[in-house]
Amino acid sequence: MDIASEIAKEHSKRTTLKVADYVGVNANRFKVLVEVFLGGPYRISQRASWPLTICVERHPHLIKPHLSKLLKFLEKPNIHDGVKRNLLRLLQFIEIPKRYHSTLINLCFDYLQDKNEPVAIKVFAMSTFATLTADYPDLQRELRIVLEDQLPYGSPGFRSRAMKVLKLIERS
């Protein structure tokens, strides 16, 4: 299968699952999917982000050699919301090495504070931030302040996740 061609055909669950099933546990095919994702244009990156997320959810070890490139991509300005959302979502399924913590914490903090970010991006940023800050009590306090500040104005999805994260922080 030509992954790039398949993704370019249409954006559907059927195509997404077809690509994810084809990649399976094969590291070379996963590398091709990452290259398609990083290569763009944004519409292709958006479409590739969904099977990428599914592959990482199924086989988290596949992402390790590509994590640095993906985080650098996440730092780019003006990336599509769907790409940000799916990259942040897939980070929930992996253990993030400490060397990436500061970069990712800063990104997640910025996403949470940006009033123009969609709720889904904020929710996944919140979860990733909370997971990363388990070893950093000072950052947990900052996260608590940000969440409590936004809680009264947040959407139902934001409030639901924020309450779960706040309970998690309390237990730490």
Protein backbone atom coordinates (compact mmCIF):
# COMPACT_ATOMS: atom_id res chain seq x y z
CA MET A 1 0.00 0.00 0.00
CA ASP A 2 1.14 3.52 -0.77
CA ILE A 3 0.28 5.23 2.51
CA ALA A 4 0.48 8.76 1.11
CA SER A 5 -1.86 7.95 -1.79
CA GLU A 6 -4.31 6.16 0.46
CA ILE A 7 -4.46 9.10 2.87
CA ALA A 8 -4.84 11.58 0.00
CA LYS A 9 -7.91 9.74 -1.37
CA GLU A 10 -10.33 10.61 1.40
CA HIS A 11 -10.63 11.46 5.06
CA SER A 12 -12.78 8.77 6.59
CA LYS A 13 -12.76 6.31 9.43
CA ARG A 14 -12.59 3.47 6.92
CA THR A 15 -9.42 4.85 5.32
CA THR A 16 -7.93 5.66 8.72
CA LEU A 17 -8.44 2.13 10.00
CA LYS A 18 -7.21 0.65 6.73
CA VAL A 19 -3.94 2.60 7.02
CA ALA A 20 -3.57 1.85 10.75
CA ASP A 21 -4.20 -1.87 10.14
CA TYR A 22 -1.68 -1.88 7.29
CA VAL A 23 0.98 -0.23 9.46
CA GLY A 24 0.27 -2.60 12.34
CA VAL A 25 3.40 -3.20 14.37
CA ASN A 26 5.76 -2.68 11.41
CA ALA A 27 8.32 0.01 12.32
CA ASN A 28 9.21 0.73 8.68
CA ARG A 29 5.60 1.33 7.71
CA PHE A 30 5.15 3.48 10.79
CA LYS A 31 8.17 5.53 9.75
CA VAL A 32 6.55 6.09 6.34
CA LEU A 33 3.35 7.24 8.06
CA VAL A 34 5.34 9.69 10.21
CA GLU A 35 7.11 11.01 7.09
CA VAL A 36 3.76 11.49 5.33
CA PHE A 37 2.47 13.28 8.41
CA LEU A 38 5.51 15.56 8.69
CA GLY A 39 5.75 16.15 4.94
CA GLY A 40 2.37 17.83 4.59
CA PRO A 41 0.73 19.79 3.12
CA TYR A 42 -1.46 20.54 6.11
CA ARG A 43 -4.47 18.61 4.73
CA ILE A 44 -2.36 15.45 4.40
CA SER A 45 -0.82 16.03 7.85
CA GLN A 46 -4.31 16.39 9.28
CA ARG A 47 -5.46 13.16 7.64
CA ALA A 48 -2.31 11.26 8.62
CA SER A 49 -2.58 12.35 12.24
CA TRP A 50 -5.61 10.13 12.86
CA PRO A 51 -4.07 6.79 11.81
CA LEU A 52 -0.85 7.89 13.51
CA THR A 53 -2.75 8.27 16.78
CA ILE A 54 -4.41 4.87 16.38
CA CYS A 55 -1.06 3.21 15.68
CA VAL A 56 0.49 4.77 18.79
CA GLU A 57 -2.50 3.79 20.90
CA ARG A 58 -2.16 0.19 19.72
CA HIS A 59 1.67 0.04 19.74
CA PRO A 60 3.16 2.85 21.86
CA HIS A 61 6.76 1.71 21.34
CA LEU A 62 6.61 2.68 17.64
CA ILE A 63 6.70 6.40 18.43
CA LYS A 64 9.99 6.43 20.38
CA PRO A 65 12.38 6.97 17.45
CA HIS A 66 10.15 9.75 16.07
CA LEU A 67 9.17 11.62 19.22
CA SER A 68 11.75 14.37 18.85
CA LYS A 69 10.65 15.17 15.28
CA LEU A 70 6.99 15.15 16.26
CA LEU A 71 7.53 17.50 19.19
CA LYS A 72 9.48 19.89 16.97
CA PHE A 73 6.56 19.79 14.55
CA LEU A 74 4.18 20.59 17.40
CA GLU A 75 6.26 23.69 18.18
CA LYS A 76 5.71 25.12 14.69
CA PRO A 77 3.43 28.13 14.49
CA ASN A 78 0.09 27.90 12.69
CA ILE A 79 -0.23 24.12 12.51
CA HIS A 80 -3.73 22.85 11.90
CA ASP A 81 -5.90 22.33 14.98
CA GLY A 82 -6.60 18.72 14.00
CA VAL A 83 -2.89 18.02 13.85
CA LYS A 84 -2.28 19.61 17.27
CA ARG A 85 -5.23 17.78 18.76
CA ASN A 86 -4.14 14.37 17.50
CA LEU A 87 -0.49 14.87 18.45
CA LEU A 88 -1.49 15.84 21.97
CA ARG A 89 -3.93 12.95 22.09
CA LEU A 90 -1.33 10.37 21.14
CA LEU A 91 1.01 11.65 23.84
CA GLN A 92 -1.44 10.26 26.41
CA PHE A 93 -0.57 6.74 25.34
CA ILE A 94 3.18 6.90 25.83
CA GLU A 95 5.73 7.47 28.54
CA ILE A 96 7.51 10.67 27.62
CA PRO A 97 11.26 10.72 28.30
CA LYS A 98 12.37 13.38 30.79
CA ARG A 99 14.47 15.18 28.18
CA TYR A 100 11.22 16.29 26.49
CA HIS A 101 9.34 17.29 29.63
CA SER A 102 10.21 21.00 29.66
CA THR A 103 9.38 21.48 25.98
CA LEU A 104 6.09 19.69 26.27
CA ILE A 105 5.13 21.32 29.57
CA ASN A 106 5.69 24.74 28.01
CA LEU A 107 3.63 23.84 24.94
CA CYS A 108 0.77 22.44 27.01
CA PHE A 109 0.81 25.44 29.33
CA ASP A 110 0.64 27.80 26.34
CA TYR A 111 -2.25 25.85 24.80
CA LEU A 112 -4.15 25.93 28.08
CA GLN A 113 -3.72 29.67 28.46
CA ASP A 114 -4.59 30.55 24.87
CA LYS A 115 -8.23 31.61 24.77
CA ASN A 116 -8.37 30.89 21.03
CA GLU A 117 -7.42 27.22 21.31
CA PRO A 118 -10.28 24.79 20.74
CA VAL A 119 -11.55 22.83 23.73
CA ALA A 120 -10.22 19.48 22.49
CA ILE A 121 -6.67 20.84 22.27
CA LYS A 122 -6.95 22.30 25.77
CA VAL A 123 -8.33 19.04 27.15
CA PHE A 124 -5.52 16.91 25.71
CA ALA A 125 -2.94 19.53 26.73
CA MET A 126 -4.38 19.47 30.25
CA SER A 127 -4.09 15.68 30.51
CA THR A 128 -0.58 15.61 29.10
CA PHE A 129 0.50 18.48 31.37
CA ALA A 130 -0.98 16.73 34.43
CA THR A 131 0.82 13.49 33.61
CA LEU A 132 4.14 15.26 33.12
CA THR A 133 3.91 17.33 36.29
CA ALA A 134 3.51 14.35 38.61
CA ASP A 135 7.19 14.79 39.54
CA TYR A 136 7.02 18.60 39.73
CA PRO A 137 4.79 19.80 42.61
CA ASP A 138 5.39 23.50 41.80
CA LEU A 139 4.07 22.98 38.30
CA GLN A 140 1.06 21.13 39.65
CA ARG A 141 0.22 24.23 41.68
CA GLU A 142 0.48 26.35 38.52
CA LEU A 143 -1.74 23.92 36.64
CA ARG A 144 -4.29 24.05 39.45
CA ILE A 145 -4.36 27.87 39.30
CA VAL A 146 -4.86 27.87 35.52
CA LEU A 147 -7.62 25.27 35.67
CA GLU A 148 -9.45 26.88 38.57
CA ASP A 149 -9.25 30.23 36.79
CA GLN A 150 -10.82 28.82 33.60
CA LEU A 151 -13.26 26.40 35.21
CA PRO A 152 -16.22 28.80 35.56
CA TYR A 153 -16.02 29.78 31.89
CA GLY A 154 -15.08 26.43 30.37
CA SER A 155 -17.20 24.21 28.19
CA PRO A 156 -18.73 21.06 29.71
CA GLY A 157 -15.88 18.98 28.21
CA PHE A 158 -13.26 21.31 29.65
CA ARG A 159 -14.91 21.35 33.09
CA SER A 160 -15.23 17.56 33.17
CA ARG A 161 -11.57 16.97 32.36
CA ALA A 162 -10.42 19.81 34.62
CA MET A 163 -12.26 18.28 37.59
CA LYS A 164 -10.60 14.92 36.95
CA VAL A 165 -7.18 16.54 36.66
CA LEU A 166 -7.72 18.57 39.82
CA LYS A 167 -8.66 15.39 41.73
CA LEU A 168 -5.55 13.72 40.37
CA ILE A 169 -3.41 16.64 41.55
CA GLU A 170 -4.99 16.51 45.02
CA ARG A 171 -4.02 12.85 45.38
CA SER A 172 -0.40 13.55 44.46
